[in-house]
Amino acid sequence: DKKGSNLPKGQSLGTGSGFITTPGYVCTNYHVIERAYTMQQNAKRAKEAVDAIIGNLTSAAPGSPMVSDIVNRTISQLFLKPIMDETQLPKVYVRINSETNYMPCRIVDVEPDLDLAVLRIIESSNTTANNDNTNYIPFGSSSNLLVGQSVVAIGNPFGLDKTVTTGVVSALDRELRSGQTPSSVPIRNCIQTDAAINPGNS
């Protein structure tokens, strides 16, 4: 979207931040990739349904020209050709701060209730994200946190790259109630902080 970007043209369905956990894997928030993920899953289910219909028809009358014509007409009438063309589906891209280009990703898994998603960078092995010498964010234990400890939030709030805000741990064991989360499911044991966090810090 930015001038000089190698992103393909099209409408953005969401933006956010993330961090590399292991070589080639990025952790981000589910709501960042939710629309792309939902469209991919809907297309997958539609394709599976059409494949099942085609399988039933062809097994009932194998090699029949009439069946072949019915199948083609079914796909055309249901407007499934764009859905069944994976090149037309939305894709997820990431850019590591030390890189200049965006890299395509595959959505490995999601956990909507916790607003988490794991992405796998599908790019050449010489990129920073896939390099074993890259520094990764180690997982810590929230049980060791204390109120008053320092907090640093790094991200791209409002599209402003490489923004850092600081604060402290204000409270522990908070709960986001139903209606305050993307999936309307309560999230317990949250960490409250006064560090400024805005859309794009996800």
Protein backbone atom coordinates (compact mmCIF):
# COMPACT_ATOMS: atom_id res chain seq x y z
CA ASP A 1 0.00 0.00 0.00
CA LYS A 2 2.91 2.29 0.60
CA LYS A 3 4.83 3.89 -2.21
CA GLY A 4 7.40 1.47 -3.55
CA SER A 5 5.77 -1.51 -1.82
CA ASN A 6 5.86 -4.89 -3.55
CA LEU A 7 2.37 -5.72 -2.23
CA PRO A 8 -0.03 -6.76 -4.99
CA LYS A 9 -2.79 -4.28 -5.73
CA GLY A 10 -6.05 -4.79 -3.93
CA GLN A 11 -8.09 -3.85 -0.88
CA SER A 12 -6.50 -4.29 2.54
CA LEU A 13 -8.59 -6.49 4.84
CA GLY A 14 -6.59 -5.75 8.00
CA THR A 15 -3.22 -4.68 9.34
CA GLY A 16 -1.34 -5.25 12.57
CA SER A 17 1.92 -6.23 14.22
CA GLY A 18 3.44 -9.52 15.27
CA PHE A 19 6.66 -11.20 16.34
CA ILE A 20 8.81 -14.08 15.14
CA THR A 21 8.65 -17.05 17.49
CA THR A 22 10.76 -19.62 15.61
CA PRO A 23 12.38 -19.53 12.15
CA GLY A 24 9.70 -18.71 9.60
CA TYR A 25 6.81 -18.48 12.07
CA VAL A 26 5.04 -15.29 13.10
CA CYS A 27 2.52 -14.81 15.92
CA THR A 28 -0.11 -12.08 15.54
CA ASN A 29 -3.68 -11.37 16.62
CA TYR A 30 -6.56 -13.28 15.05
CA HIS A 31 -8.57 -10.16 14.26
CA VAL A 32 -5.70 -8.96 12.03
CA ILE A 33 -6.18 -11.87 9.60
CA GLU A 34 -9.79 -12.75 10.46
CA ARG A 35 -11.39 -11.56 7.21
CA ALA A 36 -8.80 -13.26 5.01
CA TYR A 37 -9.01 -16.46 7.06
CA THR A 38 -12.82 -16.50 6.96
CA MET A 39 -12.89 -16.04 3.19
CA GLN A 40 -10.30 -18.79 2.70
CA GLN A 41 -12.26 -21.19 4.91
CA ASN A 42 -15.56 -20.39 3.19
CA ALA A 43 -13.95 -21.05 -0.19
CA LYS A 44 -12.51 -24.32 1.09
CA ARG A 45 -15.91 -25.49 2.37
CA ALA A 46 -17.61 -24.45 -0.89
CA LYS A 47 -15.04 -26.36 -2.92
CA GLU A 48 -15.45 -29.45 -0.75
CA ALA A 49 -19.24 -29.29 -1.19
CA VAL A 50 -18.93 -28.98 -4.98
CA ASP A 51 -16.37 -31.81 -5.06
CA ALA A 52 -18.83 -34.01 -3.15
CA ILE A 53 -21.64 -33.18 -5.59
CA ILE A 54 -19.40 -33.88 -8.58
CA GLY A 55 -18.23 -37.13 -7.02
CA ASN A 56 -21.81 -38.29 -6.50
CA LEU A 57 -22.80 -37.40 -10.07
CA THR A 58 -19.80 -38.99 -11.73
CA SER A 59 -20.09 -42.17 -9.67
CA ALA A 60 -23.76 -42.46 -10.67
CA ALA A 61 -22.99 -42.09 -14.37
CA PRO A 62 -19.25 -42.37 -15.04
CA GLY A 63 -18.09 -40.97 -18.37
CA SER A 64 -21.47 -39.49 -19.25
CA PRO A 65 -21.25 -36.29 -21.38
CA MET A 66 -24.53 -35.13 -19.84
CA VAL A 67 -23.08 -35.38 -16.34
CA SER A 68 -20.04 -33.39 -17.44
CA ASP A 69 -22.32 -30.67 -18.82
CA ILE A 70 -24.37 -30.62 -15.60
CA VAL A 71 -21.21 -30.24 -13.53
CA ASN A 72 -19.97 -27.32 -15.63
CA ARG A 73 -23.36 -25.63 -15.49
CA THR A 74 -23.54 -26.14 -11.72
CA ILE A 75 -20.20 -24.46 -11.16
CA SER A 76 -21.15 -21.62 -13.51
CA GLN A 77 -24.62 -21.04 -12.02
CA LEU A 78 -23.28 -21.04 -8.46
CA PHE A 79 -20.58 -18.51 -9.41
CA LEU A 80 -17.97 -20.82 -7.91
CA LYS A 81 -15.27 -20.35 -10.52
CA PRO A 82 -13.64 -17.39 -8.69
CA ILE A 83 -13.94 -19.24 -5.37
CA MET A 84 -12.32 -22.36 -6.75
CA ASP A 85 -9.48 -20.30 -8.18
CA GLU A 86 -7.04 -19.98 -5.26
CA THR A 87 -5.23 -17.09 -6.96
CA GLN A 88 -8.35 -14.96 -6.43
CA LEU A 89 -8.53 -15.57 -2.67
CA PRO A 90 -7.15 -13.04 -0.17
CA LYS A 91 -3.58 -13.58 0.98
CA VAL A 92 -1.63 -12.55 4.06
CA TYR A 93 1.72 -10.75 3.81
CA VAL A 94 4.28 -9.73 6.40
CA ARG A 95 7.30 -7.49 6.35
CA ILE A 96 10.08 -7.98 8.86
CA ASN A 97 11.50 -4.64 10.00
CA SER A 98 14.95 -5.50 8.67
CA GLU A 99 13.52 -6.49 5.25
CA THR A 100 12.40 -4.21 2.44
CA ASN A 101 9.82 -6.45 0.80
CA TYR A 102 6.60 -8.07 1.95
CA MET A 103 6.54 -11.87 2.06
CA PRO A 104 3.47 -14.11 1.55
CA CYS A 105 2.30 -16.19 4.51
CA ARG A 106 0.19 -19.26 5.11
CA ILE A 107 -2.21 -19.24 8.05
CA VAL A 108 -1.11 -22.23 10.14
CA ASP A 109 -3.64 -22.08 12.96
CA VAL A 110 -5.94 -19.68 14.78
CA GLU A 111 -7.48 -19.41 18.24
CA PRO A 112 -10.31 -16.85 17.99
CA ASP A 113 -11.21 -17.15 21.69
CA LEU A 114 -7.71 -15.88 22.60
CA ASP A 115 -7.43 -13.59 19.54
CA LEU A 116 -4.25 -15.36 18.38
CA ALA A 117 -3.02 -16.55 14.98
CA VAL A 118 0.16 -18.28 13.81
CA LEU A 119 1.52 -17.60 10.31
CA ARG A 120 4.17 -19.42 8.30
CA ILE A 121 6.28 -17.35 5.92
CA ILE A 122 6.42 -19.08 2.54
CA GLU A 123 9.51 -17.47 1.09
CA SER A 124 13.09 -18.33 0.19
CA SER A 125 15.34 -19.53 2.99
CA ASN A 126 17.62 -16.48 2.76
CA THR A 127 15.10 -14.09 4.29
CA THR A 128 15.67 -12.76 7.78
CA ALA A 129 12.57 -14.47 9.17
CA ASN A 130 13.77 -17.90 8.05
CA ASN A 131 17.37 -17.37 9.17
CA ASP A 132 18.45 -19.41 12.19
CA ASN A 133 20.69 -16.50 13.28
CA THR A 134 17.73 -14.15 13.71
CA ASN A 135 16.87 -13.02 17.24
CA TYR A 136 13.46 -14.27 18.27
CA ILE A 137 11.10 -13.25 21.04
CA PRO A 138 11.35 -15.90 23.78
CA PHE A 139 8.18 -16.94 25.58
CA GLY A 140 8.05 -15.86 29.19
CA SER A 141 5.92 -16.85 32.14
CA SER A 142 3.18 -14.45 33.18
CA SER A 143 3.18 -16.04 36.63
CA ASN A 144 6.51 -14.31 37.29
CA LEU A 145 5.18 -10.81 36.57
CA LEU A 146 4.82 -8.22 39.30
CA VAL A 147 2.72 -5.07 39.36
CA GLY A 148 4.98 -2.11 38.65
CA GLN A 149 7.36 -3.92 36.28
CA SER A 150 8.28 -2.11 33.07
CA VAL A 151 6.39 -2.80 29.85
CA VAL A 152 7.41 -1.99 26.26
CA ALA A 153 4.87 -2.09 23.40
CA ILE A 154 6.32 -2.23 19.87
CA GLY A 155 4.17 -2.09 16.74
CA ASN A 156 2.68 -0.08 13.92
CA PRO A 157 -0.23 1.87 15.48
CA PHE A 158 -2.29 3.68 12.84
CA GLY A 159 0.22 2.48 10.24
CA LEU A 160 3.16 4.30 11.87
CA ASP A 161 6.08 1.87 11.56
CA LYS A 162 8.39 0.92 14.41
CA THR A 163 6.55 2.79 17.16
CA VAL A 164 7.56 2.13 20.78
CA THR A 165 5.59 3.07 23.88
CA THR A 166 6.42 2.29 27.50
CA GLY A 167 4.57 1.84 30.75
CA VAL A 168 4.23 -0.49 33.71
CA VAL A 169 2.22 -3.55 34.67
CA SER A 170 -0.82 -1.89 36.22
CA ALA A 171 -2.65 -5.02 37.36
CA LEU A 172 -2.77 -8.80 36.90
CA ASP A 173 -5.54 -11.37 36.47
CA ARG A 174 -7.94 -8.98 34.76
CA GLU A 175 -10.81 -10.34 32.66
CA LEU A 176 -12.15 -9.10 29.33
CA ARG A 177 -15.85 -9.87 29.50
CA SER A 178 -18.06 -11.19 26.74
CA GLY A 179 -18.67 -8.43 24.20
CA GLN A 180 -15.21 -6.91 24.72
CA THR A 181 -13.43 -9.58 22.67
CA PRO A 182 -13.62 -10.42 18.92
CA SER A 183 -15.34 -13.76 19.55
CA SER A 184 -17.48 -12.44 22.45
CA VAL A 185 -15.90 -15.07 24.71
CA PRO A 186 -14.35 -13.89 28.00
CA ILE A 187 -10.55 -13.87 28.17
CA ARG A 188 -9.26 -14.40 31.69
CA ASN A 189 -5.89 -13.78 33.36
CA CYS A 190 -5.20 -10.64 31.31
CA ILE A 191 -2.34 -8.24 32.08
CA GLN A 192 -3.30 -4.60 32.43
CA THR A 193 -0.80 -1.93 31.43
CA ASP A 194 -0.77 1.83 31.02
CA ALA A 195 1.52 1.62 27.96
CA ALA A 196 -0.24 3.27 25.01
CA ILE A 197 -1.65 0.56 22.73
CA ASN A 198 -3.65 1.54 19.65
CA PRO A 199 -5.07 -0.15 16.51
CA GLY A 200 -2.05 -1.51 14.63
CA ASN A 201 -0.24 -2.63 17.81
CA SER A 202 -1.98 -6.01 17.46
